[in-house]
Amino acid sequence: MGATYLKTEKPEKRHPCIWMQAGVVQRKSCQSGYDCVECRFDRVLGHLAQENTRLKQAGEFPMGGRGKIVPWKEKLRGLPRSRRPCVHHMKRRISFRICTHEYRCGNCDFDQYFHDQYSVHALVRPVDALQVKGFRIPQGYYFHRGHTWIKVEEGSSVRVGINEFALRLLGPFDRIEAPLIGKEIKQERADTVAYRGENKARFLSPVSGVVTSTNLKLREEGGLANKDPFSEGWVLRVHPSNLRQDLKNLMINEESGNFTGGEVQRLYQIIEDIAGPLAAADGGHLRDNIYGNMPQLGWGRLTRIFLHT
């Protein structure tokens, strides 16, 4: 079968679904701006394609129209190499470009370059956020108990950062170093290190996967993360290896708020035990640069209790 994407310039097919362009389905327009992560149709066909693949591997061959559903990447790999379109072309972002990595975008230098130019500079700052005792909890962000966060992005990639609580407690940092592109991170492993003077804080990774981009600005000026923790202050972009499982170990929305509230109370208690009750508050909320103003709290104590490292 010829590549359906060659016929998508007709007015009624101005935004053809990826599955249609690959030739898996005949007619389907994209209604979500090619944000496949949020697309129910993509999830349903993806599950069906996986089930068909599993049955075939077991020696069974599903019948009927549903039995013809295969992963769209697999369908495109059946084309001659010169006719395999880059995913960014299929999503109407660039002119035609050949895919050179068998649709394994995590290994593609161009995909990395594109996201550096397109995604990083098009960061969306969270609008909706809970306020918990002076700390922001942006809606739609997953929190890890070690005070890192992830935001699921297009293509199931995730952006990783350090939350506001940890940055105000231990920062501003001189620099933040994370694994470089192509390196693997593992959930619950201390893969990211932040430095402040002679002190360093190790942060547990909230997900497992392969690093596809790093915020190199933080290697030069870690304090940038404090200015915009949930947008420009991101640390890594990762292609997760088992996102569904990793998310089970994370918190979101109200759960994150309750967790943060408990952490603030714990910090208040530590401050009161060491410096007295009046030292904790400034207009009802904790100040910025908490460790810098109260080094007697102990760097090691704070990282052990709150970062679990």
C-alpha atoms as a PDB file:
ATOM      1  CA  MET A   1       0.000   0.000   0.000  1.00  0.00           C
ATOM      2  CA  GLY A   2       1.286   3.468  -0.860  1.00  0.00           C
ATOM      3  CA  ALA A   3       1.881   5.985   1.904  1.00  0.00           C
ATOM      4  CA  THR A   4      -1.431   7.706   2.610  1.00  0.00           C
ATOM      5  CA  TYR A   5       0.335  10.826   3.878  1.00  0.00           C
ATOM      6  CA  LEU A   6       1.063  11.813   0.267  1.00  0.00           C
ATOM      7  CA  LYS A   7      -2.637  12.599  -0.233  1.00  0.00           C
ATOM      8  CA  THR A   8      -3.190  14.816   2.781  1.00  0.00           C
ATOM      9  CA  GLU A   9      -3.173  18.204   1.066  1.00  0.00           C
ATOM     10  CA  LYS A  10      -6.873  18.017   0.145  1.00  0.00           C
ATOM     11  CA  PRO A  11      -8.958  20.490   2.183  1.00  0.00           C
ATOM     12  CA  GLU A  12     -10.987  17.767   3.909  1.00  0.00           C
ATOM     13  CA  LYS A  13      -7.745  16.052   4.972  1.00  0.00           C
ATOM     14  CA  ARG A  14      -5.777  19.029   6.171  1.00  0.00           C
ATOM     15  CA  HIS A  15      -5.090  17.440   9.576  1.00  0.00           C
ATOM     16  CA  PRO A  16      -4.954  13.678   8.994  1.00  0.00           C
ATOM     17  CA  CYS A  17      -4.432  11.441  11.997  1.00  0.00           C
ATOM     18  CA  ILE A  18      -1.052   9.719  12.298  1.00  0.00           C
ATOM     19  CA  TRP A  19      -2.790   6.347  12.002  1.00  0.00           C
ATOM     20  CA  MET A  20      -4.373   7.474   8.730  1.00  0.00           C
ATOM     21  CA  GLN A  21      -1.107   8.755   7.307  1.00  0.00           C
ATOM     22  CA  ALA A  22       0.525   5.425   8.111  1.00  0.00           C
ATOM     23  CA  GLY A  23      -2.238   3.589   6.268  1.00  0.00           C
ATOM     24  CA  VAL A  24      -3.618   1.717   9.279  1.00  0.00           C
ATOM     25  CA  VAL A  25      -7.061   3.383   9.010  1.00  0.00           C
ATOM     26  CA  GLN A  26      -8.694   4.932   5.966  1.00  0.00           C
ATOM     27  CA  ARG A  27     -10.263   8.115   7.303  1.00  0.00           C
ATOM     28  CA  LYS A  28      -9.534   9.917  10.534  1.00  0.00           C
ATOM     29  CA  SER A  29      -8.822  13.595  11.162  1.00  0.00           C
ATOM     30  CA  CYS A  30      -6.746  14.775  14.107  1.00  0.00           C
ATOM     31  CA  GLN A  31      -8.793  16.760  16.617  1.00  0.00           C
ATOM     32  CA  SER A  32      -6.091  17.338  19.219  1.00  0.00           C
ATOM     33  CA  GLY A  33      -3.352  19.284  17.442  1.00  0.00           C
ATOM     34  CA  TYR A  34      -1.260  16.115  17.158  1.00  0.00           C
ATOM     35  CA  ASP A  35      -1.012  15.836  20.930  1.00  0.00           C
ATOM     36  CA  CYS A  36      -1.248  12.052  20.867  1.00  0.00           C
ATOM     37  CA  VAL A  37      -0.770  11.743  24.637  1.00  0.00           C
ATOM     38  CA  GLU A  38      -4.214  13.254  25.234  1.00  0.00           C
ATOM     39  CA  CYS A  39      -5.921  11.430  22.337  1.00  0.00           C
ATOM     40  CA  ARG A  40      -8.378   8.668  23.263  1.00  0.00           C
ATOM     41  CA  PHE A  41      -8.389   7.338  19.685  1.00  0.00           C
ATOM     42  CA  ASP A  42      -4.614   6.885  19.798  1.00  0.00           C
ATOM     43  CA  ARG A  43      -4.825   5.044  23.117  1.00  0.00           C
ATOM     44  CA  VAL A  44      -7.589   2.713  21.908  1.00  0.00           C
ATOM     45  CA  LEU A  45      -5.816   1.818  18.655  1.00  0.00           C
ATOM     46  CA  GLY A  46      -2.509   1.495  20.454  1.00  0.00           C
ATOM     47  CA  HIS A  47      -3.940  -1.057  22.893  1.00  0.00           C
ATOM     48  CA  LEU A  48      -5.657  -2.940  20.047  1.00  0.00           C
ATOM     49  CA  ALA A  49      -2.446  -3.033  17.997  1.00  0.00           C
ATOM     50  CA  GLN A  50      -0.488  -4.349  20.988  1.00  0.00           C
ATOM     51  CA  GLU A  51      -3.085  -7.060  21.575  1.00  0.00           C
ATOM     52  CA  ASN A  52      -2.968  -8.113  17.910  1.00  0.00           C
ATOM     53  CA  THR A  53       0.828  -8.278  18.074  1.00  0.00           C
ATOM     54  CA  ARG A  54       0.633 -10.438  21.189  1.00  0.00           C
ATOM     55  CA  LEU A  55      -1.844 -12.819  19.538  1.00  0.00           C
ATOM     56  CA  LYS A  56       0.314 -13.168  16.430  1.00  0.00           C
ATOM     57  CA  GLN A  57       3.353 -13.962  18.537  1.00  0.00           C
ATOM     58  CA  ALA A  58       1.286 -16.710  20.183  1.00  0.00           C
ATOM     59  CA  GLY A  59       0.434 -18.189  16.783  1.00  0.00           C
ATOM     60  CA  GLU A  60      -3.094 -16.759  16.613  1.00  0.00           C
ATOM     61  CA  PHE A  61      -4.296 -14.526  13.801  1.00  0.00           C
ATOM     62  CA  PRO A  62      -7.157 -12.150  14.672  1.00  0.00           C
ATOM     63  CA  MET A  63      -9.831 -11.850  11.997  1.00  0.00           C
ATOM     64  CA  GLY A  64     -11.893  -8.990  10.609  1.00  0.00           C
ATOM     65  CA  GLY A  65     -11.157  -5.299  10.425  1.00  0.00           C
ATOM     66  CA  ARG A  66      -9.930  -5.108  14.016  1.00  0.00           C
ATOM     67  CA  GLY A  67      -7.435  -7.848  13.265  1.00  0.00           C
ATOM     68  CA  LYS A  68      -5.782  -5.629  10.656  1.00  0.00           C
ATOM     69  CA  ILE A  69      -4.825  -2.977  13.200  1.00  0.00           C
ATOM     70  CA  VAL A  70      -1.038  -2.884  13.637  1.00  0.00           C
ATOM     71  CA  PRO A  71       1.198  -0.275  15.320  1.00  0.00           C
ATOM     72  CA  TRP A  72       1.506   2.709  13.007  1.00  0.00           C
ATOM     73  CA  LYS A  73       5.282   2.687  13.340  1.00  0.00           C
ATOM     74  CA  GLU A  74       5.362  -0.940  12.226  1.00  0.00           C
ATOM     75  CA  LYS A  75       3.212  -0.050   9.215  1.00  0.00           C
ATOM     76  CA  LEU A  76       5.568   2.747   8.201  1.00  0.00           C
ATOM     77  CA  ARG A  77       8.628   0.517   8.563  1.00  0.00           C
ATOM     78  CA  GLY A  78       7.141  -1.545   5.745  1.00  0.00           C
ATOM     79  CA  LEU A  79       7.680   1.354   3.337  1.00  0.00           C
ATOM     80  CA  PRO A  80      10.908   1.854   1.368  1.00  0.00           C
ATOM     81  CA  ARG A  81      13.331   3.901   3.473  1.00  0.00           C
ATOM     82  CA  SER A  82      13.101   6.848   1.091  1.00  0.00           C
ATOM     83  CA  ARG A  83       9.355   7.122   1.717  1.00  0.00           C
ATOM     84  CA  ARG A  84       9.301   6.893   5.496  1.00  0.00           C
ATOM     85  CA  PRO A  85       8.272  10.360   6.768  1.00  0.00           C
ATOM     86  CA  CYS A  86       9.712  11.878   9.919  1.00  0.00           C
ATOM     87  CA  VAL A  87       7.134  12.128  12.704  1.00  0.00           C
ATOM     88  CA  HIS A  88       7.576  15.912  12.795  1.00  0.00           C
ATOM     89  CA  HIS A  89       6.588  16.060   9.122  1.00  0.00           C
ATOM     90  CA  MET A  90       3.538  13.915   9.819  1.00  0.00           C
ATOM     91  CA  LYS A  91       2.549  16.385  12.538  1.00  0.00           C
ATOM     92  CA  ARG A  92       2.820  19.276  10.051  1.00  0.00           C
ATOM     93  CA  ARG A  93       5.754  20.932  11.758  1.00  0.00           C
ATOM     94  CA  ILE A  94       8.373  20.639   9.012  1.00  0.00           C
ATOM     95  CA  SER A  95       8.564  19.905   5.297  1.00  0.00           C
ATOM     96  CA  PHE A  96       9.151  16.335   4.182  1.00  0.00           C
ATOM     97  CA  ARG A  97      12.079  14.644   5.863  1.00  0.00           C
ATOM     98  CA  ILE A  98      13.014  10.966   5.873  1.00  0.00           C
ATOM     99  CA  CYS A  99      13.031   9.056   9.150  1.00  0.00           C
ATOM    100  CA  THR A 100      16.503   7.569   9.561  1.00  0.00           C
ATOM    101  CA  HIS A 101      16.075   5.812  12.912  1.00  0.00           C
ATOM    102  CA  GLU A 102      13.260   3.291  12.364  1.00  0.00           C
ATOM    103  CA  TYR A 103      10.904   5.584  14.338  1.00  0.00           C
ATOM    104  CA  ARG A 104      13.010   5.289  17.464  1.00  0.00           C
ATOM    105  CA  CYS A 105      12.927   8.997  18.189  1.00  0.00           C
ATOM    106  CA  GLY A 106      14.891   8.715  21.424  1.00  0.00           C
ATOM    107  CA  ASN A 107      18.000   7.843  19.377  1.00  0.00           C
ATOM    108  CA  CYS A 108      17.532  10.613  16.808  1.00  0.00           C
ATOM    109  CA  ASP A 109      19.783  13.691  16.877  1.00  0.00           C
ATOM    110  CA  PHE A 110      17.287  15.630  14.748  1.00  0.00           C
ATOM    111  CA  ASP A 111      14.476  14.900  17.201  1.00  0.00           C
ATOM    112  CA  GLN A 112      16.710  16.199  19.999  1.00  0.00           C
ATOM    113  CA  TYR A 113      17.544  19.308  17.974  1.00  0.00           C
ATOM    114  CA  PHE A 114      13.905  19.880  17.083  1.00  0.00           C
ATOM    115  CA  HIS A 115      12.729  19.669  20.667  1.00  0.00           C
ATOM    116  CA  ASP A 116      15.532  21.990  21.789  1.00  0.00           C
ATOM    117  CA  GLN A 117      14.360  24.555  19.244  1.00  0.00           C
ATOM    118  CA  TYR A 118      10.613  23.932  19.382  1.00  0.00           C
ATOM    119  CA  SER A 119       9.574  22.500  22.731  1.00  0.00           C
ATOM    120  CA  VAL A 120      12.018  24.145  25.107  1.00  0.00           C
ATOM    121  CA  HIS A 121      11.286  27.628  23.827  1.00  0.00           C
ATOM    122  CA  ALA A 122       7.557  26.947  23.767  1.00  0.00           C
ATOM    123  CA  LEU A 123       7.287  26.002  27.427  1.00  0.00           C
ATOM    124  CA  VAL A 124       3.854  26.502  28.891  1.00  0.00           C
ATOM    125  CA  ARG A 125       3.842  27.894  32.380  1.00  0.00           C
ATOM    126  CA  PRO A 126       1.295  26.292  34.692  1.00  0.00           C
ATOM    127  CA  VAL A 127      -1.766  28.483  35.133  1.00  0.00           C
ATOM    128  CA  ASP A 128      -3.749  26.496  37.689  1.00  0.00           C
ATOM    129  CA  ALA A 129      -1.927  25.852  40.934  1.00  0.00           C
ATOM    130  CA  LEU A 130      -2.827  25.025  44.496  1.00  0.00           C
ATOM    131  CA  GLN A 131      -1.300  27.222  47.179  1.00  0.00           C
ATOM    132  CA  VAL A 132      -0.218  25.161  50.161  1.00  0.00           C
ATOM    133  CA  LYS A 133       1.279  27.176  53.010  1.00  0.00           C
ATOM    134  CA  GLY A 134       3.060  29.478  50.584  1.00  0.00           C
ATOM    135  CA  PHE A 135       4.171  26.801  48.104  1.00  0.00           C
ATOM    136  CA  ARG A 136       2.765  26.271  44.607  1.00  0.00           C
ATOM    137  CA  ILE A 137       1.446  22.874  43.521  1.00  0.00           C
ATOM    138  CA  PRO A 138       0.797  23.150  39.757  1.00  0.00           C
ATOM    139  CA  GLN A 139      -2.092  21.057  38.489  1.00  0.00           C
ATOM    140  CA  GLY A 140      -1.201  18.277  36.071  1.00  0.00           C
ATOM    141  CA  TYR A 141       2.321  17.827  37.459  1.00  0.00           C
ATOM    142  CA  TYR A 142       3.327  14.606  39.189  1.00  0.00           C
ATOM    143  CA  PHE A 143       5.354  14.907  42.402  1.00  0.00           C
ATOM    144  CA  HIS A 144       7.911  12.465  43.780  1.00  0.00           C
ATOM    145  CA  ARG A 145       8.458  12.103  47.535  1.00  0.00           C
ATOM    146  CA  GLY A 146      12.037  13.339  47.048  1.00  0.00           C
ATOM    147  CA  HIS A 147      10.731  16.727  45.822  1.00  0.00           C
ATOM    148  CA  THR A 148      11.207  16.271  42.099  1.00  0.00           C
ATOM    149  CA  TRP A 149       8.390  16.580  39.563  1.00  0.00           C
ATOM    150  CA  ILE A 150       7.466  15.392  36.086  1.00  0.00           C
ATOM    151  CA  LYS A 151       5.151  16.781  33.417  1.00  0.00           C
ATOM    152  CA  VAL A 152       3.995  14.336  30.751  1.00  0.00           C
ATOM    153  CA  GLU A 153       4.460  15.861  27.297  1.00  0.00           C
ATOM    154  CA  GLU A 154       3.697  14.931  23.721  1.00  0.00           C
ATOM    155  CA  GLY A 155       4.884  11.529  22.609  1.00  0.00           C
ATOM    156  CA  SER A 156       4.905  10.251  26.203  1.00  0.00           C
ATOM    157  CA  SER A 157       8.164  12.060  26.890  1.00  0.00           C
ATOM    158  CA  VAL A 158       8.371  13.736  30.280  1.00  0.00           C
ATOM    159  CA  ARG A 159      10.007  16.862  31.590  1.00  0.00           C
ATOM    160  CA  VAL A 160      11.678  16.546  34.994  1.00  0.00           C
ATOM    161  CA  GLY A 161      12.491  19.216  37.540  1.00  0.00           C
ATOM    162  CA  ILE A 162      12.935  20.078  41.225  1.00  0.00           C
ATOM    163  CA  ASN A 163       9.909  21.394  43.077  1.00  0.00           C
ATOM    164  CA  GLU A 164       9.585  24.763  44.748  1.00  0.00           C
ATOM    165  CA  PHE A 165       9.819  23.377  48.279  1.00  0.00           C
ATOM    166  CA  ALA A 166      13.288  21.882  47.746  1.00  0.00           C
ATOM    167  CA  LEU A 167      14.543  24.914  45.837  1.00  0.00           C
ATOM    168  CA  ARG A 168      13.467  27.340  48.552  1.00  0.00           C
ATOM    169  CA  LEU A 169      14.736  25.047  51.290  1.00  0.00           C
ATOM    170  CA  LEU A 170      18.214  24.312  49.904  1.00  0.00           C
ATOM    171  CA  GLY A 171      18.707  26.795  47.073  1.00  0.00           C
ATOM    172  CA  PRO A 172      19.589  28.844  45.286  1.00  0.00           C
ATOM    173  CA  PHE A 173      22.111  26.369  43.915  1.00  0.00           C
ATOM    174  CA  ASP A 174      25.374  27.305  42.233  1.00  0.00           C
ATOM    175  CA  ARG A 175      24.842  24.613  39.627  1.00  0.00           C
ATOM    176  CA  ILE A 176      22.645  21.598  38.939  1.00  0.00           C
ATOM    177  CA  GLU A 177      24.163  18.645  37.100  1.00  0.00           C
ATOM    178  CA  ALA A 178      22.111  15.880  35.523  1.00  0.00           C
ATOM    179  CA  PRO A 179      22.953  12.941  33.227  1.00  0.00           C
ATOM    180  CA  LEU A 180      23.612  13.916  29.621  1.00  0.00           C
ATOM    181  CA  ILE A 181      21.695  12.887  26.504  1.00  0.00           C
ATOM    182  CA  GLY A 182      21.579   9.136  25.959  1.00  0.00           C
ATOM    183  CA  LYS A 183      22.246   8.233  29.586  1.00  0.00           C
ATOM    184  CA  GLU A 184      19.755   6.183  31.569  1.00  0.00           C
ATOM    185  CA  ILE A 185      18.115   7.312  34.769  1.00  0.00           C
ATOM    186  CA  LYS A 186      16.237   5.062  37.178  1.00  0.00           C
ATOM    187  CA  GLN A 187      13.320   5.833  39.456  1.00  0.00           C
ATOM    188  CA  GLU A 188      14.449   6.131  43.094  1.00  0.00           C
ATOM    189  CA  ARG A 189      18.118   6.472  42.103  1.00  0.00           C
ATOM    190  CA  ALA A 190      19.983   9.700  42.874  1.00  0.00           C
ATOM    191  CA  ASP A 191      20.866  10.719  39.311  1.00  0.00           C
ATOM    192  CA  THR A 192      20.787  14.529  39.651  1.00  0.00           C
ATOM    193  CA  VAL A 193      23.179  16.497  41.874  1.00  0.00           C
ATOM    194  CA  ALA A 194      22.841  20.145  42.914  1.00  0.00           C
ATOM    195  CA  TYR A 195      25.722  22.117  44.430  1.00  0.00           C
ATOM    196  CA  ARG A 196      25.761  25.034  46.845  1.00  0.00           C
ATOM    197  CA  GLY A 197      29.204  26.028  48.016  1.00  0.00           C
ATOM    198  CA  GLU A 198      30.814  22.921  49.470  1.00  0.00           C
ATOM    199  CA  ASN A 199      27.455  21.225  49.941  1.00  0.00           C
ATOM    200  CA  LYS A 200      25.716  18.984  47.448  1.00  0.00           C
ATOM    201  CA  ALA A 201      22.207  17.590  47.302  1.00  0.00           C
ATOM    202  CA  ARG A 202      21.339  14.400  45.438  1.00  0.00           C
ATOM    203  CA  PHE A 203      17.844  14.150  43.996  1.00  0.00           C
ATOM    204  CA  LEU A 204      16.041  10.866  43.366  1.00  0.00           C
ATOM    205  CA  SER A 205      14.794  10.398  39.818  1.00  0.00           C
ATOM    206  CA  PRO A 206      10.983  10.332  39.603  1.00  0.00           C
ATOM    207  CA  VAL A 207      10.940   8.059  36.521  1.00  0.00           C
ATOM    208  CA  SER A 208      13.145   5.574  34.678  1.00  0.00           C
ATOM    209  CA  GLY A 209      14.197   6.093  31.074  1.00  0.00           C
ATOM    210  CA  VAL A 210      16.692   7.596  28.654  1.00  0.00           C
ATOM    211  CA  VAL A 211      17.666  11.267  28.777  1.00  0.00           C
ATOM    212  CA  THR A 212      16.760  13.095  25.569  1.00  0.00           C
ATOM    213  CA  SER A 213      17.618  16.649  26.633  1.00  0.00           C
ATOM    214  CA  THR A 214      19.194  18.526  29.533  1.00  0.00           C
ATOM    215  CA  ASN A 215      18.865  22.137  30.628  1.00  0.00           C
ATOM    216  CA  LEU A 216      22.497  23.127  30.245  1.00  0.00           C
ATOM    217  CA  LYS A 217      21.838  26.613  31.636  1.00  0.00           C
ATOM    218  CA  LEU A 218      21.515  25.096  35.095  1.00  0.00           C
ATOM    219  CA  ARG A 219      25.090  23.805  34.902  1.00  0.00           C
ATOM    220  CA  GLU A 220      26.229  27.416  34.786  1.00  0.00           C
ATOM    221  CA  GLU A 221      23.621  29.063  37.003  1.00  0.00           C
ATOM    222  CA  GLY A 222      21.585  26.723  39.166  1.00  0.00           C
ATOM    223  CA  GLY A 223      19.693  29.620  40.705  1.00  0.00           C
ATOM    224  CA  LEU A 224      17.674  29.949  37.501  1.00  0.00           C
ATOM    225  CA  ALA A 225      15.576  27.032  38.723  1.00  0.00           C
ATOM    226  CA  ASN A 226      14.342  29.098  41.680  1.00  0.00           C
ATOM    227  CA  LYS A 227      13.002  31.811  39.396  1.00  0.00           C
ATOM    228  CA  ASP A 228      10.669  29.488  37.491  1.00  0.00           C
ATOM    229  CA  PRO A 229      10.711  25.978  39.027  1.00  0.00           C
ATOM    230  CA  PHE A 230       7.938  24.468  36.914  1.00  0.00           C
ATOM    231  CA  SER A 231       8.811  25.873  33.494  1.00  0.00           C
ATOM    232  CA  GLU A 232      12.185  27.408  32.600  1.00  0.00           C
ATOM    233  CA  GLY A 233      13.716  25.678  35.623  1.00  0.00           C
ATOM    234  CA  TRP A 234      13.265  22.175  34.192  1.00  0.00           C
ATOM    235  CA  VAL A 235      16.279  19.865  34.543  1.00  0.00           C
ATOM    236  CA  LEU A 236      15.777  16.956  32.114  1.00  0.00           C
ATOM    237  CA  ARG A 237      13.607  15.622  29.337  1.00  0.00           C
ATOM    238  CA  VAL A 238      13.294  11.846  29.424  1.00  0.00           C
ATOM    239  CA  HIS A 239      11.875   9.103  27.229  1.00  0.00           C
ATOM    240  CA  PRO A 240      10.443   6.864  29.976  1.00  0.00           C
ATOM    241  CA  SER A 241      10.844   3.102  29.807  1.00  0.00           C
ATOM    242  CA  ASN A 242       7.756   2.232  31.871  1.00  0.00           C
ATOM    243  CA  LEU A 243       5.791   5.407  32.494  1.00  0.00           C
ATOM    244  CA  ARG A 244       2.536   3.737  33.495  1.00  0.00           C
ATOM    245  CA  GLN A 245       4.246   1.808  36.278  1.00  0.00           C
ATOM    246  CA  ASP A 246       6.346   4.780  37.403  1.00  0.00           C
ATOM    247  CA  LEU A 247       3.272   7.003  37.737  1.00  0.00           C
ATOM    248  CA  LYS A 248       1.867   4.627  40.351  1.00  0.00           C
ATOM    249  CA  ASN A 249       4.667   5.742  42.672  1.00  0.00           C
ATOM    250  CA  LEU A 250       4.023   9.460  42.180  1.00  0.00           C
ATOM    251  CA  MET A 251       1.449  11.978  43.437  1.00  0.00           C
ATOM    252  CA  ILE A 252      -0.677  14.490  41.560  1.00  0.00           C
ATOM    253  CA  ASN A 253      -2.874  17.507  42.355  1.00  0.00           C
ATOM    254  CA  GLU A 254      -4.522  17.289  45.821  1.00  0.00           C
ATOM    255  CA  GLU A 255      -2.358  14.342  46.818  1.00  0.00           C
ATOM    256  CA  SER A 256       0.731  16.440  46.073  1.00  0.00           C
ATOM    257  CA  GLY A 257      -0.787  19.289  48.060  1.00  0.00           C
ATOM    258  CA  ASN A 258      -1.395  17.113  51.098  1.00  0.00           C
ATOM    259  CA  PHE A 259       2.140  15.760  50.866  1.00  0.00           C
ATOM    260  CA  THR A 260       3.638  19.246  50.636  1.00  0.00           C
ATOM    261  CA  GLY A 261       1.554  20.438  53.571  1.00  0.00           C
ATOM    262  CA  GLY A 262       2.942  17.606  55.658  1.00  0.00           C
ATOM    263  CA  GLU A 263       6.501  18.418  54.611  1.00  0.00           C
ATOM    264  CA  VAL A 264       6.036  22.073  55.558  1.00  0.00           C
ATOM    265  CA  GLN A 265       4.765  21.050  58.988  1.00  0.00           C
ATOM    266  CA  ARG A 266       7.756  18.773  59.437  1.00  0.00           C
ATOM    267  CA  LEU A 267      10.096  21.615  58.492  1.00  0.00           C
ATOM    268  CA  TYR A 268       8.351  23.979  60.927  1.00  0.00           C
ATOM    269  CA  GLN A 269       8.950  21.461  63.692  1.00  0.00           C
ATOM    270  CA  ILE A 270      12.648  21.151  62.849  1.00  0.00           C
ATOM    271  CA  ILE A 271      13.051  24.931  62.795  1.00  0.00           C
ATOM    272  CA  GLU A 272      11.240  25.360  66.100  1.00  0.00           C
ATOM    273  CA  ASP A 273      13.309  22.634  67.744  1.00  0.00           C
ATOM    274  CA  ILE A 274      16.564  24.282  66.668  1.00  0.00           C
ATOM    275  CA  ALA A 275      15.906  28.017  66.325  1.00  0.00           C
ATOM    276  CA  GLY A 276      12.662  28.652  68.182  1.00  0.00           C
ATOM    277  CA  PRO A 277       9.057  29.190  67.022  1.00  0.00           C
ATOM    278  CA  LEU A 278       9.455  32.767  65.803  1.00  0.00           C
ATOM    279  CA  ALA A 279      12.264  31.882  63.395  1.00  0.00           C
ATOM    280  CA  ALA A 280      10.055  29.825  61.115  1.00  0.00           C
ATOM    281  CA  ALA A 281       7.576  32.358  59.871  1.00  0.00           C
ATOM    282  CA  ASP A 282       7.588  35.585  57.908  1.00  0.00           C
ATOM    283  CA  GLY A 283       4.044  36.855  57.472  1.00  0.00           C
ATOM    284  CA  GLY A 284       2.710  33.365  58.023  1.00  0.00           C
ATOM    285  CA  HIS A 285       4.889  31.596  55.448  1.00  0.00           C
ATOM    286  CA  LEU A 286       8.416  30.258  55.282  1.00  0.00           C
ATOM    287  CA  ARG A 287      10.973  32.545  53.692  1.00  0.00           C
ATOM    288  CA  ASP A 288      13.070  31.834  50.625  1.00  0.00           C
ATOM    289  CA  ASN A 289      16.679  30.681  51.067  1.00  0.00           C
ATOM    290  CA  ILE A 290      15.741  28.806  54.227  1.00  0.00           C
ATOM    291  CA  TYR A 291      19.065  27.010  54.677  1.00  0.00           C
ATOM    292  CA  GLY A 292      21.029  30.158  53.838  1.00  0.00           C
ATOM    293  CA  ASN A 293      19.225  32.052  56.591  1.00  0.00           C
ATOM    294  CA  MET A 294      19.408  29.176  59.078  1.00  0.00           C
ATOM    295  CA  PRO A 295      22.481  27.031  58.358  1.00  0.00           C
ATOM    296  CA  GLN A 296      22.196  25.618  61.872  1.00  0.00           C
ATOM    297  CA  LEU A 297      19.421  23.386  60.519  1.00  0.00           C
ATOM    298  CA  GLY A 298      22.194  21.264  59.017  1.00  0.00           C
ATOM    299  CA  TRP A 299      22.560  20.460  55.344  1.00  0.00           C
ATOM    300  CA  GLY A 300      22.929  16.741  55.928  1.00  0.00           C
ATOM    301  CA  ARG A 301      19.862  16.631  58.153  1.00  0.00           C
ATOM    302  CA  LEU A 302      17.701  18.440  55.578  1.00  0.00           C
ATOM    303  CA  THR A 303      18.782  16.324  52.609  1.00  0.00           C
ATOM    304  CA  ARG A 304      18.354  13.113  54.571  1.00  0.00           C
ATOM    305  CA  ILE A 305      14.869  13.970  55.828  1.00  0.00           C
ATOM    306  CA  PHE A 306      13.394  15.646  52.758  1.00  0.00           C
ATOM    307  CA  LEU A 307      15.343  14.261  49.781  1.00  0.00           C
ATOM    308  CA  HIS A 308      15.797  10.743  51.219  1.00  0.00           C
ATOM    309  CA  THR A 309      19.438  10.701  50.115  1.00  0.00           C
END
